[in-house]
Amino acid sequence: MPDPDDLQASIDRTRADLAATLNEIEDKLNVPKQLGIASSRAKESYDRDPVPWIAAAGVAALAVVGIVVAVVRSR
């Protein structure tokens, strides 16, 4: 027969694990918090090396111009 103190300790550990898991799930599903984290990471990345960000913006601008030109020509 298990010792009641051991059983209670096991229950307490299980509750703590469950609480930690639920907190992690809540953090993952908290969209505003996740957007803030992503924004901070992007800013840190840009501050470290802006060249890839500038290049991506240039490519995006060219893509938009290409789409606009294709739409205008198709009319």
PDB file of N, CA and C in Angstrom:
ATOM      1  N   MET A   1       0.845  -1.181   0.000  1.00  0.00           N
ATOM      2  CA  MET A   1       0.000   0.000   0.000  1.00  0.00           C
ATOM      3  C   MET A   1       0.890   1.245   0.000  1.00  0.00           C
ATOM      4  N   PRO A   2       0.585   2.211  -0.894  1.00  0.00           N
ATOM      5  CA  PRO A   2       1.432   3.396  -0.980  1.00  0.00           C
ATOM      6  C   PRO A   2       1.331   4.255   0.280  1.00  0.00           C
ATOM      7  N   ASP A   3       2.443   4.895   0.557  1.00  0.00           N
ATOM      8  CA  ASP A   3       2.495   5.795   1.700  1.00  0.00           C
ATOM      9  C   ASP A   3       1.660   7.043   1.399  1.00  0.00           C
ATOM     10  N   PRO A   4       0.791   7.463   2.307  1.00  0.00           N
ATOM     11  CA  PRO A   4      -0.059   8.635   2.047  1.00  0.00           C
ATOM     12  C   PRO A   4       0.743   9.913   1.746  1.00  0.00           C
ATOM     13  N   ASP A   5       1.892  10.067   2.380  1.00  0.00           N
ATOM     14  CA  ASP A   5       2.718  11.250   2.112  1.00  0.00           C
ATOM     15  C   ASP A   5       3.280  11.216   0.690  1.00  0.00           C
ATOM     16  N   ASP A   6       3.704  10.012   0.259  1.00  0.00           N
ATOM     17  CA  ASP A   6       4.206   9.867  -1.114  1.00  0.00           C
ATOM     18  C   ASP A   6       3.090  10.129  -2.121  1.00  0.00           C
ATOM     19  N   LEU A   7       1.924   9.611  -1.819  1.00  0.00           N
ATOM     20  CA  LEU A   7       0.773   9.811  -2.701  1.00  0.00           C
ATOM     21  C   LEU A   7       0.417  11.295  -2.807  1.00  0.00           C
ATOM     22  N   GLN A   8       0.399  11.986  -1.670  1.00  0.00           N
ATOM     23  CA  GLN A   8       0.097  13.421  -1.679  1.00  0.00           C
ATOM     24  C   GLN A   8       1.169  14.197  -2.437  1.00  0.00           C
ATOM     25  N   ALA A   9       2.430  13.821  -2.273  1.00  0.00           N
ATOM     26  CA  ALA A   9       3.520  14.490  -2.987  1.00  0.00           C
ATOM     27  C   ALA A   9       3.370  14.279  -4.493  1.00  0.00           C
ATOM     28  N   SER A  10       2.987  13.078  -4.880  1.00  0.00           N
ATOM     29  CA  SER A  10       2.774  12.785  -6.303  1.00  0.00           C
ATOM     30  C   SER A  10       1.617  13.617  -6.854  1.00  0.00           C
ATOM     31  N   ILE A  11       0.551  13.726  -6.090  1.00  0.00           N
ATOM     32  CA  ILE A  11      -0.602  14.532  -6.515  1.00  0.00           C
ATOM     33  C   ILE A  11      -0.196  15.997  -6.656  1.00  0.00           C
ATOM     34  N   ASP A  12       0.568  16.495  -5.701  1.00  0.00           N
ATOM     35  CA  ASP A  12       1.018  17.888  -5.761  1.00  0.00           C
ATOM     36  C   ASP A  12       1.896  18.145  -6.983  1.00  0.00           C
ATOM     37  N   ARG A  13       2.809  17.209  -7.290  1.00  0.00           N
ATOM     38  CA  ARG A  13       3.664  17.353  -8.484  1.00  0.00           C
ATOM     39  C   ARG A  13       2.821  17.350  -9.750  1.00  0.00           C
ATOM     40  N   THR A  14       1.845  16.448  -9.802  1.00  0.00           N
ATOM     41  CA  THR A  14       0.974  16.360 -10.975  1.00  0.00           C
ATOM     42  C   THR A  14       0.181  17.650 -11.162  1.00  0.00           C
ATOM     43  N   ARG A  15      -0.330  18.204 -10.062  1.00  0.00           N
ATOM     44  CA  ARG A  15      -1.059  19.473 -10.145  1.00  0.00           C
ATOM     45  C   ARG A  15      -0.155  20.599 -10.628  1.00  0.00           C
ATOM     46  N   ALA A  16       1.055  20.642 -10.121  1.00  0.00           N
ATOM     47  CA  ALA A  16       1.996  21.686 -10.538  1.00  0.00           C
ATOM     48  C   ALA A  16       2.336  21.543 -12.023  1.00  0.00           C
ATOM     49  N   ASP A  17       2.544  20.306 -12.473  1.00  0.00           N
ATOM     50  CA  ASP A  17       2.822  20.065 -13.894  1.00  0.00           C
ATOM     51  C   ASP A  17       1.643  20.489 -14.763  1.00  0.00           C
ATOM     52  N   LEU A  18       0.440  20.154 -14.328  1.00  0.00           N
ATOM     53  CA  LEU A  18      -0.757  20.528 -15.077  1.00  0.00           C
ATOM     54  C   LEU A  18      -0.906  22.044 -15.139  1.00  0.00           C
ATOM     55  N   ALA A  19      -0.676  22.712 -14.023  1.00  0.00           N
ATOM     56  CA  ALA A  19      -0.771  24.176 -14.000  1.00  0.00           C
ATOM     57  C   ALA A  19       0.248  24.800 -14.946  1.00  0.00           C
ATOM     58  N   ALA A  20       1.468  24.269 -14.949  1.00  0.00           N
ATOM     59  CA  ALA A  20       2.500  24.791 -15.842  1.00  0.00           C
ATOM     60  C   ALA A  20       2.111  24.579 -17.304  1.00  0.00           C
ATOM     61  N   THR A  21       1.580  23.403 -17.611  1.00  0.00           N
ATOM     62  CA  THR A  21       1.155  23.112 -18.981  1.00  0.00           C
ATOM     63  C   THR A  21       0.024  24.039 -19.416  1.00  0.00           C
ATOM     64  N   LEU A  22      -0.943  24.251 -18.539  1.00  0.00           N
ATOM     65  CA  LEU A  22      -2.053  25.153 -18.873  1.00  0.00           C
ATOM     66  C   LEU A  22      -1.561  26.588 -19.075  1.00  0.00           C
ATOM     67  N   ASN A  23      -0.599  27.023 -18.272  1.00  0.00           N
ATOM     68  CA  ASN A  23      -0.035  28.355 -18.457  1.00  0.00           C
ATOM     69  C   ASN A  23       0.680  28.479 -19.803  1.00  0.00           C
ATOM     70  N   GLU A  24       1.413  27.439 -20.199  1.00  0.00           N
ATOM     71  CA  GLU A  24       2.088  27.450 -21.502  1.00  0.00           C
ATOM     72  C   GLU A  24       1.074  27.516 -22.636  1.00  0.00           C
ATOM     73  N   ILE A  25      -0.002  26.749 -22.532  1.00  0.00           N
ATOM     74  CA  ILE A  25      -1.046  26.770 -23.563  1.00  0.00           C
ATOM     75  C   ILE A  25      -1.686  28.150 -23.630  1.00  0.00           C
ATOM     76  N   GLU A  26      -1.973  28.728 -22.473  1.00  0.00           N
ATOM     77  CA  GLU A  26      -2.567  30.066 -22.437  1.00  0.00           C
ATOM     78  C   GLU A  26      -1.648  31.091 -23.107  1.00  0.00           C
ATOM     79  N   ASP A  27      -0.347  30.999 -22.834  1.00  0.00           N
ATOM     80  CA  ASP A  27       0.603  31.924 -23.468  1.00  0.00           C
ATOM     81  C   ASP A  27       0.611  31.759 -24.988  1.00  0.00           C
ATOM     82  N   LYS A  28       0.580  30.512 -25.454  1.00  0.00           N
ATOM     83  CA  LYS A  28       0.604  30.257 -26.901  1.00  0.00           C
ATOM     84  C   LYS A  28      -0.650  30.785 -27.590  1.00  0.00           C
ATOM     85  N   LEU A  29      -1.794  30.744 -26.896  1.00  0.00           N
ATOM     86  CA  LEU A  29      -3.050  31.170 -27.496  1.00  0.00           C
ATOM     87  C   LEU A  29      -3.339  32.655 -27.284  1.00  0.00           C
ATOM     88  N   ASN A  30      -2.481  33.356 -26.579  1.00  0.00           N
ATOM     89  CA  ASN A  30      -2.652  34.783 -26.314  1.00  0.00           C
ATOM     90  C   ASN A  30      -2.085  35.559 -27.509  1.00  0.00           C
ATOM     91  N   VAL A  31      -2.953  35.864 -28.480  1.00  0.00           N
ATOM     92  CA  VAL A  31      -2.512  36.467 -29.736  1.00  0.00           C
ATOM     93  C   VAL A  31      -1.814  37.814 -29.529  1.00  0.00           C
ATOM     94  N   PRO A  32      -2.359  38.731 -28.745  1.00  0.00           N
ATOM     95  CA  PRO A  32      -1.649  40.003 -28.553  1.00  0.00           C
ATOM     96  C   PRO A  32      -0.246  39.814 -27.969  1.00  0.00           C
ATOM     97  N   LYS A  33      -0.117  38.890 -27.030  1.00  0.00           N
ATOM     98  CA  LYS A  33       1.201  38.636 -26.441  1.00  0.00           C
ATOM     99  C   LYS A  33       2.149  38.060 -27.486  1.00  0.00           C
ATOM    100  N   GLN A  34       1.660  37.107 -28.290  1.00  0.00           N
ATOM    101  CA  GLN A  34       2.505  36.502 -29.320  1.00  0.00           C
ATOM    102  C   GLN A  34       2.915  37.523 -30.377  1.00  0.00           C
ATOM    103  N   LEU A  35       1.996  38.441 -30.740  1.00  0.00           N
ATOM    104  CA  LEU A  35       2.346  39.487 -31.701  1.00  0.00           C
ATOM    105  C   LEU A  35       3.412  40.416 -31.130  1.00  0.00           C
ATOM    106  N   GLY A  36       3.315  40.719 -29.849  1.00  0.00           N
ATOM    107  CA  GLY A  36       4.327  41.546 -29.202  1.00  0.00           C
ATOM    108  C   GLY A  36       5.689  40.878 -29.208  1.00  0.00           C
ATOM    109  N   ILE A  37       5.718  39.580 -28.931  1.00  0.00           N
ATOM    110  CA  ILE A  37       6.972  38.830 -28.947  1.00  0.00           C
ATOM    111  C   ILE A  37       7.562  38.814 -30.352  1.00  0.00           C
ATOM    112  N   ALA A  38       6.715  38.550 -31.353  1.00  0.00           N
ATOM    113  CA  ALA A  38       7.192  38.522 -32.743  1.00  0.00           C
ATOM    114  C   ALA A  38       7.709  39.888 -33.160  1.00  0.00           C
ATOM    115  N   SER A  39       7.025  40.934 -32.748  1.00  0.00           N
ATOM    116  CA  SER A  39       7.449  42.295 -33.075  1.00  0.00           C
ATOM    117  C   SER A  39       8.810  42.605 -32.451  1.00  0.00           C
ATOM    118  N   SER A  40       8.986  42.213 -31.208  1.00  0.00           N
ATOM    119  CA  SER A  40      10.267  42.447 -30.530  1.00  0.00           C
ATOM    120  C   SER A  40      11.398  41.692 -31.217  1.00  0.00           C
ATOM    121  N   ARG A  41      11.126  40.457 -31.599  1.00  0.00           N
ATOM    122  CA  ARG A  41      12.158  39.654 -32.283  1.00  0.00           C
ATOM    123  C   ARG A  41      12.510  40.274 -33.638  1.00  0.00           C
ATOM    124  N   ALA A  42      11.497  40.745 -34.359  1.00  0.00           N
ATOM    125  CA  ALA A  42      11.753  41.354 -35.661  1.00  0.00           C
ATOM    126  C   ALA A  42      12.581  42.629 -35.501  1.00  0.00           C
ATOM    127  N   LYS A  43      12.255  43.442 -34.516  1.00  0.00           N
ATOM    128  CA  LYS A  43      13.005  44.680 -34.280  1.00  0.00           C
ATOM    129  C   LYS A  43      14.445  44.371 -33.907  1.00  0.00           C
ATOM    130  N   GLU A  44      14.658  43.372 -33.047  1.00  0.00           N
ATOM    131  CA  GLU A  44      16.014  42.980 -32.672  1.00  0.00           C
ATOM    132  C   GLU A  44      16.784  42.481 -33.892  1.00  0.00           C
ATOM    133  N   SER A  45      16.116  41.710 -34.747  1.00  0.00           N
ATOM    134  CA  SER A  45      16.749  41.204 -35.961  1.00  0.00           C
ATOM    135  C   SER A  45      17.139  42.354 -36.884  1.00  0.00           C
ATOM    136  N   TYR A  46      16.238  43.319 -37.049  1.00  0.00           N
ATOM    137  CA  TYR A  46      16.525  44.479 -37.894  1.00  0.00           C
ATOM    138  C   TYR A  46      17.681  45.294 -37.312  1.00  0.00           C
ATOM    139  N   ASP A  47      17.679  45.477 -36.003  1.00  0.00           N
ATOM    140  CA  ASP A  47      18.749  46.244 -35.363  1.00  0.00           C
ATOM    141  C   ASP A  47      20.104  45.568 -35.526  1.00  0.00           C
ATOM    142  N   ARG A  48      20.133  44.227 -35.521  1.00  0.00           N
ATOM    143  CA  ARG A  48      21.389  43.492 -35.703  1.00  0.00           C
ATOM    144  C   ARG A  48      21.904  43.622 -37.132  1.00  0.00           C
ATOM    145  N   ASP A  49      20.993  43.459 -38.111  1.00  0.00           N
ATOM    146  CA  ASP A  49      21.402  43.491 -39.523  1.00  0.00           C
ATOM    147  C   ASP A  49      20.206  43.880 -40.388  1.00  0.00           C
ATOM    148  N   PRO A  50      20.124  45.159 -40.790  1.00  0.00           N
ATOM    149  CA  PRO A  50      18.963  45.608 -41.546  1.00  0.00           C
ATOM    150  C   PRO A  50      18.976  45.202 -43.024  1.00  0.00           C
ATOM    151  N   VAL A  51      20.099  44.738 -43.541  1.00  0.00           N
ATOM    152  CA  VAL A  51      20.210  44.458 -44.978  1.00  0.00           C
ATOM    153  C   VAL A  51      19.156  43.457 -45.469  1.00  0.00           C
ATOM    154  N   PRO A  52      18.963  42.311 -44.812  1.00  0.00           N
ATOM    155  CA  PRO A  52      17.936  41.383 -45.314  1.00  0.00           C
ATOM    156  C   PRO A  52      16.532  41.993 -45.302  1.00  0.00           C
ATOM    157  N   TRP A  53      16.246  42.821 -44.307  1.00  0.00           N
ATOM    158  CA  TRP A  53      14.941  43.460 -44.224  1.00  0.00           C
ATOM    159  C   TRP A  53      14.757  44.455 -45.365  1.00  0.00           C
ATOM    160  N   ILE A  54      15.787  45.217 -45.664  1.00  0.00           N
ATOM    161  CA  ILE A  54      15.711  46.181 -46.763  1.00  0.00           C
ATOM    162  C   ILE A  54      15.575  45.444 -48.095  1.00  0.00           C
ATOM    163  N   ALA A  55      16.328  44.366 -48.260  1.00  0.00           N
ATOM    164  CA  ALA A  55      16.234  43.582 -49.494  1.00  0.00           C
ATOM    165  C   ALA A  55      14.829  42.996 -49.661  1.00  0.00           C
ATOM    166  N   ALA A  56      14.263  42.478 -48.585  1.00  0.00           N
ATOM    167  CA  ALA A  56      12.911  41.912 -48.663  1.00  0.00           C
ATOM    168  C   ALA A  56      11.888  42.993 -49.002  1.00  0.00           C
ATOM    169  N   ALA A  57      12.061  44.188 -48.440  1.00  0.00           N
ATOM    170  CA  ALA A  57      11.145  45.285 -48.761  1.00  0.00           C
ATOM    171  C   ALA A  57      11.261  45.656 -50.230  1.00  0.00           C
ATOM    172  N   GLY A  58      12.478  45.647 -50.761  1.00  0.00           N
ATOM    173  CA  GLY A  58      12.677  45.945 -52.180  1.00  0.00           C
ATOM    174  C   GLY A  58      12.002  44.908 -53.073  1.00  0.00           C
ATOM    175  N   VAL A  59      12.154  43.647 -52.714  1.00  0.00           N
ATOM    176  CA  VAL A  59      11.530  42.571 -53.492  1.00  0.00           C
ATOM    177  C   VAL A  59      10.007  42.700 -53.426  1.00  0.00           C
ATOM    178  N   ALA A  60       9.478  42.994 -52.263  1.00  0.00           N
ATOM    179  CA  ALA A  60       8.028  43.154 -52.119  1.00  0.00           C
ATOM    180  C   ALA A  60       7.533  44.326 -52.961  1.00  0.00           C
ATOM    181  N   ALA A  61       8.288  45.424 -52.960  1.00  0.00           N
ATOM    182  CA  ALA A  61       7.898  46.588 -53.756  1.00  0.00           C
ATOM    183  C   ALA A  61       7.899  46.236 -55.246  1.00  0.00           C
ATOM    184  N   LEU A  62       8.916  45.520 -55.699  1.00  0.00           N
ATOM    185  CA  LEU A  62       8.962  45.106 -57.104  1.00  0.00           C
ATOM    186  C   LEU A  62       7.789  44.190 -57.453  1.00  0.00           C
ATOM    187  N   ALA A  63       7.433  43.305 -56.531  1.00  0.00           N
ATOM    188  CA  ALA A  63       6.301  42.413 -56.779  1.00  0.00           C
ATOM    189  C   ALA A  63       5.011  43.211 -56.911  1.00  0.00           C
ATOM    190  N   VAL A  64       4.820  44.207 -56.055  1.00  0.00           N
ATOM    191  CA  VAL A  64       3.609  45.037 -56.131  1.00  0.00           C
ATOM    192  C   VAL A  64       3.582  45.794 -57.451  1.00  0.00           C
ATOM    193  N   VAL A  65       4.710  46.359 -57.838  1.00  0.00           N
ATOM    194  CA  VAL A  65       4.772  47.096 -59.110  1.00  0.00           C
ATOM    195  C   VAL A  65       4.476  46.139 -60.257  1.00  0.00           C
ATOM    196  N   GLY A  66       5.027  44.936 -60.218  1.00  0.00           N
ATOM    197  CA  GLY A  66       4.758  43.963 -61.272  1.00  0.00           C
ATOM    198  C   GLY A  66       3.301  43.593 -61.369  1.00  0.00           C
ATOM    199  N   ILE A  67       2.653  43.431 -60.242  1.00  0.00           N
ATOM    200  CA  ILE A  67       1.219  43.105 -60.235  1.00  0.00           C
ATOM    201  C   ILE A  67       0.403  44.264 -60.799  1.00  0.00           C
ATOM    202  N   VAL A  68       0.741  45.482 -60.388  1.00  0.00           N
ATOM    203  CA  VAL A  68       0.018  46.660 -60.899  1.00  0.00           C
ATOM    204  C   VAL A  68       0.188  46.781 -62.400  1.00  0.00           C
ATOM    205  N   VAL A  69       1.402  46.579 -62.886  1.00  0.00           N
ATOM    206  CA  VAL A  69       1.646  46.661 -64.336  1.00  0.00           C
ATOM    207  C   VAL A  69       0.850  45.575 -65.057  1.00  0.00           C
ATOM    208  N   ALA A  70       0.829  44.356 -64.529  1.00  0.00           N
ATOM    209  CA  ALA A  70       0.088  43.280 -65.175  1.00  0.00           C
ATOM    210  C   ALA A  70      -1.405  43.577 -65.206  1.00  0.00           C
ATOM    211  N   VAL A  71      -1.941  44.149 -64.139  1.00  0.00           N
ATOM    212  CA  VAL A  71      -3.377  44.481 -64.106  1.00  0.00           C
ATOM    213  C   VAL A  71      -3.686  45.585 -65.093  1.00  0.00           C
ATOM    214  N   VAL A  72      -2.829  46.611 -65.158  1.00  0.00           N
ATOM    215  CA  VAL A  72      -3.059  47.727 -66.082  1.00  0.00           C
ATOM    216  C   VAL A  72      -2.980  47.245 -67.527  1.00  0.00           C
ATOM    217  N   ARG A  73      -2.049  46.375 -67.838  1.00  0.00           N
ATOM    218  CA  ARG A  73      -1.901  45.872 -69.220  1.00  0.00           C
ATOM    219  C   ARG A  73      -3.058  44.971 -69.639  1.00  0.00           C
ATOM    220  N   SER A  74      -3.641  44.292 -68.668  1.00  0.00           N
ATOM    221  CA  SER A  74      -4.705  43.341 -69.016  1.00  0.00           C
ATOM    222  C   SER A  74      -6.037  44.057 -69.306  1.00  0.00           C
ATOM    223  N   ARG A  75      -6.116  45.338 -69.039  1.00  0.00           N
ATOM    224  CA  ARG A  75      -7.370  46.066 -69.277  1.00  0.00           C
ATOM    225  C   ARG A  75      -7.525  46.450 -70.682  1.00  0.00           C
TER     226      ARG A  75
END
